[in-house]
Amino acid sequence: MKVPQFNLKCLKSSRGGVCLMGFGVIMMGFGIYRGEISVVLEKAVNICMECIGIG
């Protein structure tokens, strides 16, 4: 039975992606801290109501 070995070259090449993902998570946290969730949800509801034709 062979033991799977990890490819270190793959791990090194994805470091930039991990950094970008971490930056995105930090920025989402900052947006939540500023209270922008309600603004985004309000805009989403308005767009949905316009597309459906209810509003």
N, C-alpha and C. Protein backbone atom coordinates (compact mmCIF):
# COMPACT_ATOMS: atom_id res chain seq x y z
N MET A 1 0.85 -1.17 0.00
CA MET A 1 0.00 0.00 0.00
C MET A 1 0.90 1.24 0.00
N LYS A 2 0.61 2.16 -0.92
CA LYS A 2 1.41 3.38 -1.00
C LYS A 2 0.84 4.44 -0.08
N VAL A 3 1.72 5.18 0.51
CA VAL A 3 1.32 6.29 1.37
C VAL A 3 1.31 7.55 0.52
N PRO A 4 0.20 8.29 0.48
CA PRO A 4 0.16 9.51 -0.34
C PRO A 4 1.13 10.56 0.19
N GLN A 5 1.85 11.19 -0.73
CA GLN A 5 2.78 12.24 -0.35
C GLN A 5 2.27 13.56 -0.90
N PHE A 6 2.48 14.60 -0.13
CA PHE A 6 2.00 15.91 -0.53
C PHE A 6 3.00 16.57 -1.46
N ASN A 7 2.48 17.30 -2.41
CA ASN A 7 3.31 18.01 -3.35
C ASN A 7 3.59 19.40 -2.78
N LEU A 8 4.80 19.64 -2.33
CA LEU A 8 5.14 20.92 -1.72
C LEU A 8 5.12 22.05 -2.73
N LYS A 9 5.36 21.75 -4.01
CA LYS A 9 5.33 22.77 -5.03
C LYS A 9 3.93 23.37 -5.14
N CYS A 10 2.93 22.53 -5.00
CA CYS A 10 1.54 23.00 -5.05
C CYS A 10 1.24 23.90 -3.86
N LEU A 11 1.74 23.54 -2.70
CA LEU A 11 1.49 24.35 -1.51
C LEU A 11 2.17 25.71 -1.61
N LYS A 12 3.35 25.76 -2.19
CA LYS A 12 4.06 27.03 -2.32
C LYS A 12 3.39 27.95 -3.33
N SER A 13 2.82 27.39 -4.38
CA SER A 13 2.22 28.22 -5.42
C SER A 13 0.88 28.80 -4.98
N SER A 14 0.23 28.23 -4.00
CA SER A 14 -1.07 28.73 -3.58
C SER A 14 -0.97 29.75 -2.44
N ARG A 15 0.21 30.15 -2.09
CA ARG A 15 0.39 31.11 -0.99
C ARG A 15 -0.26 32.45 -1.31
N GLY A 16 -0.16 32.88 -2.57
CA GLY A 16 -0.78 34.15 -2.96
C GLY A 16 -2.29 34.09 -2.86
N GLY A 17 -2.87 32.96 -3.26
CA GLY A 17 -4.31 32.80 -3.15
C GLY A 17 -4.79 32.81 -1.72
N VAL A 18 -4.02 32.19 -0.85
CA VAL A 18 -4.38 32.18 0.57
C VAL A 18 -4.30 33.59 1.14
N CYS A 19 -3.30 34.35 0.72
CA CYS A 19 -3.18 35.74 1.19
C CYS A 19 -4.37 36.58 0.72
N LEU A 20 -4.76 36.40 -0.55
CA LEU A 20 -5.91 37.15 -1.06
C LEU A 20 -7.20 36.74 -0.35
N MET A 21 -7.35 35.47 -0.05
CA MET A 21 -8.53 35.01 0.66
C MET A 21 -8.56 35.60 2.07
N GLY A 22 -7.42 35.63 2.74
CA GLY A 22 -7.35 36.23 4.07
C GLY A 22 -7.68 37.71 4.04
N PHE A 23 -7.20 38.40 3.02
CA PHE A 23 -7.50 39.83 2.87
C PHE A 23 -9.00 40.04 2.66
N GLY A 24 -9.61 39.17 1.86
CA GLY A 24 -11.05 39.27 1.63
C GLY A 24 -11.85 39.06 2.90
N VAL A 25 -11.43 38.10 3.70
CA VAL A 25 -12.12 37.83 4.97
C VAL A 25 -11.98 39.03 5.91
N ILE A 26 -10.79 39.62 5.94
CA ILE A 26 -10.57 40.79 6.79
C ILE A 26 -11.45 41.95 6.34
N MET A 27 -11.56 42.17 5.02
CA MET A 27 -12.38 43.27 4.52
C MET A 27 -13.86 43.01 4.77
N MET A 28 -14.31 41.76 4.68
CA MET A 28 -15.70 41.46 5.02
C MET A 28 -15.96 41.74 6.49
N GLY A 29 -15.03 41.38 7.35
CA GLY A 29 -15.17 41.67 8.77
C GLY A 29 -15.25 43.16 9.03
N PHE A 30 -14.45 43.93 8.30
CA PHE A 30 -14.47 45.39 8.45
C PHE A 30 -15.82 45.96 8.01
N GLY A 31 -16.38 45.42 6.93
CA GLY A 31 -17.69 45.87 6.47
C GLY A 31 -18.78 45.53 7.47
N ILE A 32 -18.70 44.36 8.06
CA ILE A 32 -19.67 43.97 9.09
C ILE A 32 -19.53 44.89 10.30
N TYR A 33 -18.30 45.21 10.68
CA TYR A 33 -18.06 46.10 11.82
C TYR A 33 -18.66 47.49 11.58
N ARG A 34 -18.61 47.96 10.33
CA ARG A 34 -19.14 49.28 10.00
C ARG A 34 -20.65 49.29 9.83
N GLY A 35 -21.28 48.12 9.84
CA GLY A 35 -22.73 48.05 9.74
C GLY A 35 -23.25 48.13 8.33
N GLU A 36 -22.48 47.67 7.37
CA GLU A 36 -22.89 47.77 5.98
C GLU A 36 -23.77 46.61 5.54
N ILE A 37 -24.04 45.66 6.42
CA ILE A 37 -24.89 44.53 6.07
C ILE A 37 -26.29 45.02 5.74
N SER A 38 -26.82 45.92 6.53
CA SER A 38 -28.19 46.40 6.28
C SER A 38 -28.27 47.16 4.96
N VAL A 39 -27.23 47.88 4.60
CA VAL A 39 -27.23 48.62 3.33
C VAL A 39 -27.26 47.65 2.16
N VAL A 40 -26.44 46.62 2.23
CA VAL A 40 -26.37 45.64 1.14
C VAL A 40 -27.69 44.89 1.02
N LEU A 41 -28.26 44.47 2.13
CA LEU A 41 -29.53 43.75 2.08
C LEU A 41 -30.67 44.64 1.57
N GLU A 42 -30.67 45.91 1.95
CA GLU A 42 -31.69 46.84 1.47
C GLU A 42 -31.60 47.00 -0.04
N LYS A 43 -30.39 47.13 -0.57
CA LYS A 43 -30.22 47.25 -2.01
C LYS A 43 -30.64 45.97 -2.72
N ALA A 44 -30.34 44.82 -2.13
CA ALA A 44 -30.73 43.54 -2.74
C ALA A 44 -32.24 43.41 -2.80
N VAL A 45 -32.93 43.81 -1.76
CA VAL A 45 -34.40 43.74 -1.74
C VAL A 45 -34.97 44.68 -2.79
N ASN A 46 -34.43 45.88 -2.90
CA ASN A 46 -34.94 46.84 -3.89
C ASN A 46 -34.75 46.31 -5.31
N ILE A 47 -33.60 45.71 -5.60
CA ILE A 47 -33.36 45.15 -6.93
C ILE A 47 -34.33 44.02 -7.20
N CYS A 48 -34.54 43.13 -6.23
CA CYS A 48 -35.47 42.03 -6.43
C CYS A 48 -36.88 42.53 -6.68
N MET A 49 -37.31 43.52 -5.91
CA MET A 49 -38.66 44.04 -6.07
C MET A 49 -38.84 44.69 -7.44
N GLU A 50 -37.81 45.35 -7.95
CA GLU A 50 -37.90 45.98 -9.27
C GLU A 50 -37.95 44.93 -10.37
N CYS A 51 -37.17 43.85 -10.22
CA CYS A 51 -37.14 42.81 -11.26
C CYS A 51 -38.45 42.04 -11.30
N ILE A 52 -39.01 41.75 -10.15
CA ILE A 52 -40.25 40.99 -10.09
C ILE A 52 -41.42 41.89 -10.49
N GLY A 53 -41.33 43.15 -10.21
CA GLY A 53 -42.39 44.09 -10.57
C GLY A 53 -43.36 44.37 -9.44
N ILE A 54 -42.99 43.96 -8.24
CA ILE A 54 -43.89 44.21 -7.10
C ILE A 54 -43.78 45.67 -6.66
N GLY A 55 -42.56 46.19 -6.64
CA GLY A 55 -42.35 47.54 -6.12
C GLY A 55 -42.48 48.53 -7.18
